Amino acid sequence: MIKTIFLIWFLIIFMAFTQAYFAESTLSGKDIFSKVKGPYGTCNTCHPGGSSAGRWDSEAKEISDDGDKKIPEIKGIGKKKSPEQLEKIIVLMRNKYKVPIQDDQMKMLIDYISNL
C-alpha cells in the first residue's frame, strides 16, 4: 500500500516536472522574450519592444528614473546587432541574472530579436 502511494506521488511529480520542462522548450521567440522570467522579470521588462525601459537602479534592483545605469537597447543604437552579438548578450544575461533560457531556445530568441 505504501509503495503504491509512493509510486503514484512519484509519477505525479515526474509528470509535472517533465511537462513544465518540455512546455518551455516549445515557446516561440516572441513568447520567450515576453514570458520567460528571471528574478527581475522578462526580457521585455527592461527592453520593451527591443528598446530601453530607461535606467536600472543597482541598489534597489529595479527600473528607476534616476537609476545609475542606462538600460541599453537590445536591438542596438542606429544599427542592428549581429546574431553572434545577440547570443553573447543573452548568455551574459542568462548567467548574470539567472534567466532560465535553455540552449535550444537561444536561436528562436535571437531570430525574434533580430526581426524587431
N, C-alpha and C. Protein backbone atom coordinates (compact mmCIF):
# COMPACT_ATOMS: atom_id res chain seq x y z
N MET A 1 0.82 -1.20 0.00
CA MET A 1 0.00 0.00 0.00
C MET A 1 0.87 1.27 0.00
N ILE A 2 1.86 1.31 0.86
CA ILE A 2 2.74 2.47 0.93
C ILE A 2 3.54 2.61 -0.37
N LYS A 3 3.96 1.47 -0.93
CA LYS A 3 4.69 1.51 -2.19
C LYS A 3 3.82 2.09 -3.31
N THR A 4 2.56 1.72 -3.32
CA THR A 4 1.64 2.22 -4.34
C THR A 4 1.45 3.73 -4.21
N ILE A 5 1.27 4.20 -3.01
CA ILE A 5 1.11 5.64 -2.77
C ILE A 5 2.38 6.38 -3.19
N PHE A 6 3.53 5.85 -2.81
CA PHE A 6 4.81 6.46 -3.18
C PHE A 6 4.96 6.49 -4.70
N LEU A 7 4.62 5.42 -5.37
CA LEU A 7 4.73 5.35 -6.82
C LEU A 7 3.81 6.38 -7.49
N ILE A 8 2.60 6.52 -7.00
CA ILE A 8 1.66 7.50 -7.55
C ILE A 8 2.19 8.92 -7.37
N TRP A 9 2.67 9.24 -6.17
CA TRP A 9 3.24 10.58 -5.93
C TRP A 9 4.46 10.82 -6.81
N PHE A 10 5.29 9.83 -6.96
CA PHE A 10 6.47 9.96 -7.81
C PHE A 10 6.06 10.25 -9.25
N LEU A 11 5.07 9.52 -9.76
CA LEU A 11 4.61 9.74 -11.13
C LEU A 11 4.01 11.12 -11.32
N ILE A 12 3.26 11.59 -10.34
CA ILE A 12 2.66 12.93 -10.43
C ILE A 12 3.75 13.99 -10.47
N ILE A 13 4.72 13.88 -9.60
CA ILE A 13 5.82 14.86 -9.57
C ILE A 13 6.63 14.77 -10.85
N PHE A 14 6.93 13.56 -11.30
CA PHE A 14 7.70 13.38 -12.53
C PHE A 14 6.97 13.98 -13.73
N MET A 15 5.67 13.73 -13.83
CA MET A 15 4.89 14.25 -14.95
C MET A 15 4.82 15.78 -14.91
N ALA A 16 4.66 16.35 -13.73
CA ALA A 16 4.60 17.81 -13.62
C ALA A 16 5.94 18.43 -14.03
N PHE A 17 7.04 17.82 -13.59
CA PHE A 17 8.36 18.34 -13.94
C PHE A 17 8.61 18.25 -15.44
N THR A 18 8.36 17.10 -16.03
CA THR A 18 8.64 16.94 -17.47
C THR A 18 7.70 17.79 -18.31
N GLN A 19 6.47 17.94 -17.87
CA GLN A 19 5.52 18.76 -18.62
C GLN A 19 5.97 20.22 -18.62
N ALA A 20 6.39 20.73 -17.48
CA ALA A 20 6.86 22.11 -17.41
C ALA A 20 8.14 22.28 -18.21
N TYR A 21 9.03 21.33 -18.13
CA TYR A 21 10.31 21.42 -18.85
C TYR A 21 10.09 21.43 -20.36
N PHE A 22 9.27 20.51 -20.84
CA PHE A 22 9.06 20.42 -22.28
C PHE A 22 8.16 21.55 -22.80
N ALA A 23 7.27 22.06 -21.96
CA ALA A 23 6.42 23.16 -22.39
C ALA A 23 7.26 24.40 -22.68
N GLU A 24 8.29 24.65 -21.86
CA GLU A 24 9.15 25.80 -22.07
C GLU A 24 9.88 25.73 -23.39
N SER A 25 10.32 24.55 -23.78
CA SER A 25 11.14 24.44 -24.99
C SER A 25 10.31 24.59 -26.26
N THR A 26 8.99 24.62 -26.15
CA THR A 26 8.15 24.77 -27.33
C THR A 26 7.68 26.22 -27.54
N LEU A 27 8.17 27.13 -26.72
CA LEU A 27 7.77 28.53 -26.85
C LEU A 27 8.38 29.15 -28.10
N SER A 28 7.68 30.12 -28.67
CA SER A 28 8.23 30.86 -29.80
C SER A 28 9.22 31.90 -29.28
N GLY A 29 9.99 32.50 -30.17
CA GLY A 29 10.94 33.54 -29.77
C GLY A 29 10.25 34.71 -29.08
N LYS A 30 9.08 35.09 -29.60
CA LYS A 30 8.32 36.19 -29.01
C LYS A 30 7.86 35.84 -27.60
N ASP A 31 7.41 34.59 -27.41
CA ASP A 31 6.97 34.14 -26.08
C ASP A 31 8.14 34.07 -25.11
N ILE A 32 9.30 33.63 -25.58
CA ILE A 32 10.49 33.58 -24.72
C ILE A 32 10.83 35.00 -24.27
N PHE A 33 10.81 35.95 -25.20
CA PHE A 33 11.14 37.35 -24.92
C PHE A 33 10.17 37.96 -23.91
N SER A 34 8.90 37.61 -24.00
CA SER A 34 7.91 38.28 -23.16
C SER A 34 7.38 37.45 -22.00
N LYS A 35 7.68 36.14 -21.93
CA LYS A 35 7.09 35.32 -20.88
C LYS A 35 8.09 34.60 -19.97
N VAL A 36 9.30 34.32 -20.44
CA VAL A 36 10.27 33.60 -19.61
C VAL A 36 10.88 34.61 -18.64
N LYS A 37 10.66 34.39 -17.33
CA LYS A 37 11.06 35.37 -16.31
C LYS A 37 12.30 34.94 -15.56
N GLY A 38 13.15 35.92 -15.33
CA GLY A 38 14.25 35.81 -14.40
C GLY A 38 13.82 36.49 -13.11
N PRO A 39 14.75 36.72 -12.20
CA PRO A 39 14.37 37.35 -10.92
C PRO A 39 13.86 38.78 -11.07
N TYR A 40 14.19 39.47 -12.17
CA TYR A 40 13.75 40.85 -12.35
C TYR A 40 12.73 41.01 -13.46
N GLY A 41 12.17 39.92 -13.92
CA GLY A 41 11.15 39.97 -14.96
C GLY A 41 11.62 39.33 -16.25
N THR A 42 10.94 39.64 -17.32
CA THR A 42 11.24 39.07 -18.63
C THR A 42 12.21 39.99 -19.38
N CYS A 43 12.65 39.56 -20.55
CA CYS A 43 13.47 40.43 -21.42
C CYS A 43 12.69 41.72 -21.71
N ASN A 44 11.39 41.56 -21.96
CA ASN A 44 10.53 42.68 -22.31
C ASN A 44 10.38 43.68 -21.17
N THR A 45 10.63 43.28 -19.93
CA THR A 45 10.53 44.19 -18.79
C THR A 45 11.50 45.35 -18.94
N CYS A 46 12.75 45.04 -19.28
CA CYS A 46 13.78 46.07 -19.41
C CYS A 46 13.94 46.56 -20.85
N HIS A 47 13.48 45.76 -21.81
CA HIS A 47 13.64 46.08 -23.23
C HIS A 47 12.30 45.97 -23.95
N PRO A 48 11.32 46.83 -23.59
CA PRO A 48 10.01 46.72 -24.25
C PRO A 48 10.14 46.94 -25.75
N GLY A 49 9.73 45.96 -26.51
CA GLY A 49 9.83 46.04 -27.96
C GLY A 49 11.25 46.02 -28.48
N GLY A 50 12.21 45.70 -27.61
CA GLY A 50 13.61 45.66 -28.01
C GLY A 50 14.36 46.93 -27.70
N SER A 51 13.65 47.95 -27.19
CA SER A 51 14.32 49.21 -26.89
C SER A 51 14.75 49.25 -25.43
N SER A 52 14.67 50.38 -24.79
CA SER A 52 15.12 50.54 -23.42
C SER A 52 13.97 50.99 -22.54
N ALA A 53 13.93 50.48 -21.31
CA ALA A 53 12.91 50.91 -20.36
C ALA A 53 13.41 52.07 -19.50
N GLY A 54 14.58 52.60 -19.79
CA GLY A 54 15.08 53.74 -19.02
C GLY A 54 16.38 53.44 -18.32
N ARG A 55 16.37 53.53 -17.00
CA ARG A 55 17.59 53.36 -16.21
C ARG A 55 17.40 52.27 -15.16
N TRP A 56 18.49 51.57 -14.85
CA TRP A 56 18.48 50.49 -13.87
C TRP A 56 19.12 50.98 -12.59
N ASP A 57 18.40 50.85 -11.47
CA ASP A 57 18.92 51.23 -10.16
C ASP A 57 19.55 50.00 -9.54
N SER A 58 20.88 49.99 -9.46
CA SER A 58 21.61 48.82 -8.98
C SER A 58 21.34 48.52 -7.51
N GLU A 59 21.16 49.56 -6.70
CA GLU A 59 20.92 49.33 -5.28
C GLU A 59 19.53 48.75 -5.03
N ALA A 60 18.52 49.35 -5.64
CA ALA A 60 17.14 48.90 -5.44
C ALA A 60 16.79 47.69 -6.30
N LYS A 61 17.64 47.39 -7.30
CA LYS A 61 17.41 46.28 -8.23
C LYS A 61 16.07 46.42 -8.95
N GLU A 62 15.87 47.62 -9.52
CA GLU A 62 14.63 47.89 -10.24
C GLU A 62 14.85 49.00 -11.26
N ILE A 63 13.90 49.16 -12.15
CA ILE A 63 13.94 50.23 -13.14
C ILE A 63 13.50 51.51 -12.44
N SER A 64 14.29 52.57 -12.62
CA SER A 64 14.01 53.82 -11.93
C SER A 64 14.41 54.99 -12.82
N ASP A 65 13.69 56.11 -12.71
CA ASP A 65 14.01 57.30 -13.50
C ASP A 65 15.39 57.85 -13.17
N ASP A 66 15.82 57.66 -11.93
CA ASP A 66 17.12 58.19 -11.54
C ASP A 66 18.14 57.07 -11.27
N GLY A 67 17.96 55.95 -11.95
CA GLY A 67 18.88 54.83 -11.78
C GLY A 67 20.28 55.17 -12.24
N ASP A 68 21.24 54.38 -11.79
CA ASP A 68 22.63 54.69 -12.08
C ASP A 68 23.13 54.14 -13.41
N LYS A 69 22.38 53.25 -14.05
CA LYS A 69 22.84 52.67 -15.32
C LYS A 69 21.74 52.76 -16.37
N LYS A 70 22.10 53.24 -17.54
CA LYS A 70 21.16 53.28 -18.67
C LYS A 70 20.95 51.86 -19.19
N ILE A 71 19.73 51.46 -19.36
CA ILE A 71 19.43 50.15 -19.93
C ILE A 71 19.61 50.27 -21.44
N PRO A 72 20.55 49.56 -22.04
CA PRO A 72 20.79 49.71 -23.48
C PRO A 72 19.67 49.09 -24.30
N GLU A 73 19.55 49.59 -25.51
CA GLU A 73 18.60 48.98 -26.44
C GLU A 73 19.17 47.64 -26.88
N ILE A 74 18.36 46.62 -26.84
CA ILE A 74 18.84 45.30 -27.20
C ILE A 74 19.06 45.18 -28.71
N LYS A 75 18.33 45.99 -29.48
CA LYS A 75 18.47 45.96 -30.94
C LYS A 75 19.72 46.69 -31.40
N GLY A 76 20.28 47.53 -30.55
CA GLY A 76 21.42 48.34 -30.95
C GLY A 76 20.97 49.76 -31.20
N ILE A 77 21.89 50.67 -31.18
CA ILE A 77 21.55 52.07 -31.39
C ILE A 77 21.97 52.44 -32.80
N GLY A 78 21.00 52.69 -33.66
CA GLY A 78 21.28 53.09 -35.02
C GLY A 78 21.53 51.94 -35.98
N LYS A 79 21.81 50.77 -35.47
CA LYS A 79 22.03 49.62 -36.35
C LYS A 79 21.68 48.34 -35.60
N LYS A 80 21.41 47.31 -36.34
CA LYS A 80 21.08 46.01 -35.74
C LYS A 80 22.36 45.32 -35.28
N LYS A 81 22.24 44.56 -34.22
CA LYS A 81 23.35 43.76 -33.74
C LYS A 81 23.36 42.44 -34.50
N SER A 82 24.53 41.85 -34.66
CA SER A 82 24.64 40.57 -35.35
C SER A 82 24.10 39.45 -34.45
N PRO A 83 23.73 38.31 -35.02
CA PRO A 83 23.28 37.18 -34.21
C PRO A 83 24.32 36.75 -33.17
N GLU A 84 25.60 36.87 -33.52
CA GLU A 84 26.66 36.49 -32.57
C GLU A 84 26.68 37.45 -31.38
N GLN A 85 26.50 38.76 -31.65
CA GLN A 85 26.45 39.74 -30.57
C GLN A 85 25.24 39.50 -29.67
N LEU A 86 24.10 39.22 -30.30
CA LEU A 86 22.88 38.96 -29.52
C LEU A 86 23.04 37.73 -28.64
N GLU A 87 23.65 36.68 -29.19
CA GLU A 87 23.86 35.47 -28.40
C GLU A 87 24.76 35.76 -27.20
N LYS A 88 25.80 36.54 -27.41
CA LYS A 88 26.71 36.91 -26.33
C LYS A 88 25.97 37.66 -25.23
N ILE A 89 25.10 38.60 -25.61
CA ILE A 89 24.31 39.38 -24.66
C ILE A 89 23.34 38.47 -23.89
N ILE A 90 22.66 37.58 -24.61
CA ILE A 90 21.69 36.69 -23.97
C ILE A 90 22.38 35.74 -22.99
N VAL A 91 23.53 35.20 -23.37
CA VAL A 91 24.28 34.31 -22.47
C VAL A 91 24.71 35.08 -21.22
N LEU A 92 25.16 36.32 -21.40
CA LEU A 92 25.54 37.14 -20.25
C LEU A 92 24.36 37.35 -19.31
N MET A 93 23.20 37.71 -19.86
CA MET A 93 22.00 37.93 -19.04
C MET A 93 21.53 36.63 -18.38
N ARG A 94 21.62 35.55 -19.13
CA ARG A 94 21.22 34.25 -18.58
C ARG A 94 22.08 33.90 -17.37
N ASN A 95 23.37 34.13 -17.47
CA ASN A 95 24.28 33.78 -16.38
C ASN A 95 24.22 34.79 -15.23
N LYS A 96 24.21 36.07 -15.56
CA LYS A 96 24.25 37.11 -14.53
C LYS A 96 22.93 37.21 -13.76
N TYR A 97 21.80 37.16 -14.47
CA TYR A 97 20.50 37.36 -13.84
C TYR A 97 19.68 36.07 -13.73
N LYS A 98 20.31 34.95 -14.04
CA LYS A 98 19.65 33.64 -13.88
C LYS A 98 18.34 33.55 -14.64
N VAL A 99 18.35 34.07 -15.87
CA VAL A 99 17.16 33.96 -16.73
C VAL A 99 17.15 32.54 -17.30
N PRO A 100 16.07 31.79 -17.08
CA PRO A 100 16.05 30.37 -17.46
C PRO A 100 15.82 30.12 -18.94
N ILE A 101 16.74 30.58 -19.77
CA ILE A 101 16.65 30.34 -21.21
C ILE A 101 17.53 29.14 -21.53
N GLN A 102 16.93 28.15 -22.14
CA GLN A 102 17.65 26.92 -22.47
C GLN A 102 18.41 27.10 -23.78
N ASP A 103 19.43 26.28 -23.96
CA ASP A 103 20.25 26.37 -25.18
C ASP A 103 19.42 26.22 -26.45
N ASP A 104 18.42 25.32 -26.42
CA ASP A 104 17.62 25.10 -27.63
C ASP A 104 16.65 26.26 -27.91
N GLN A 105 16.46 27.16 -26.94
CA GLN A 105 15.61 28.32 -27.14
C GLN A 105 16.40 29.52 -27.69
N MET A 106 17.72 29.44 -27.59
CA MET A 106 18.58 30.56 -27.96
C MET A 106 18.35 31.04 -29.39
N LYS A 107 18.33 30.13 -30.36
CA LYS A 107 18.18 30.51 -31.77
C LYS A 107 16.82 31.17 -32.01
N MET A 108 15.77 30.62 -31.39
CA MET A 108 14.44 31.22 -31.57
C MET A 108 14.40 32.65 -31.02
N LEU A 109 15.04 32.86 -29.87
CA LEU A 109 15.06 34.19 -29.26
C LEU A 109 15.90 35.15 -30.11
N ILE A 110 17.04 34.70 -30.59
CA ILE A 110 17.89 35.54 -31.45
C ILE A 110 17.16 35.90 -32.74
N ASP A 111 16.48 34.94 -33.34
CA ASP A 111 15.72 35.21 -34.57
C ASP A 111 14.63 36.26 -34.31
N TYR A 112 13.95 36.15 -33.19
CA TYR A 112 12.89 37.10 -32.86
C TYR A 112 13.47 38.51 -32.67
N ILE A 113 14.53 38.62 -31.86
CA ILE A 113 15.13 39.93 -31.60
C ILE A 113 15.69 40.54 -32.88
N SER A 114 16.26 39.71 -33.73
CA SER A 114 16.83 40.22 -34.99
C SER A 114 15.78 40.84 -35.89
N ASN A 115 14.52 40.44 -35.73
CA ASN A 115 13.44 40.96 -36.57
C ASN A 115 12.64 42.07 -35.92
N LEU A 116 13.06 42.52 -34.75
CA LEU A 116 12.34 43.62 -34.09
C LEU A 116 12.55 44.92 -34.85
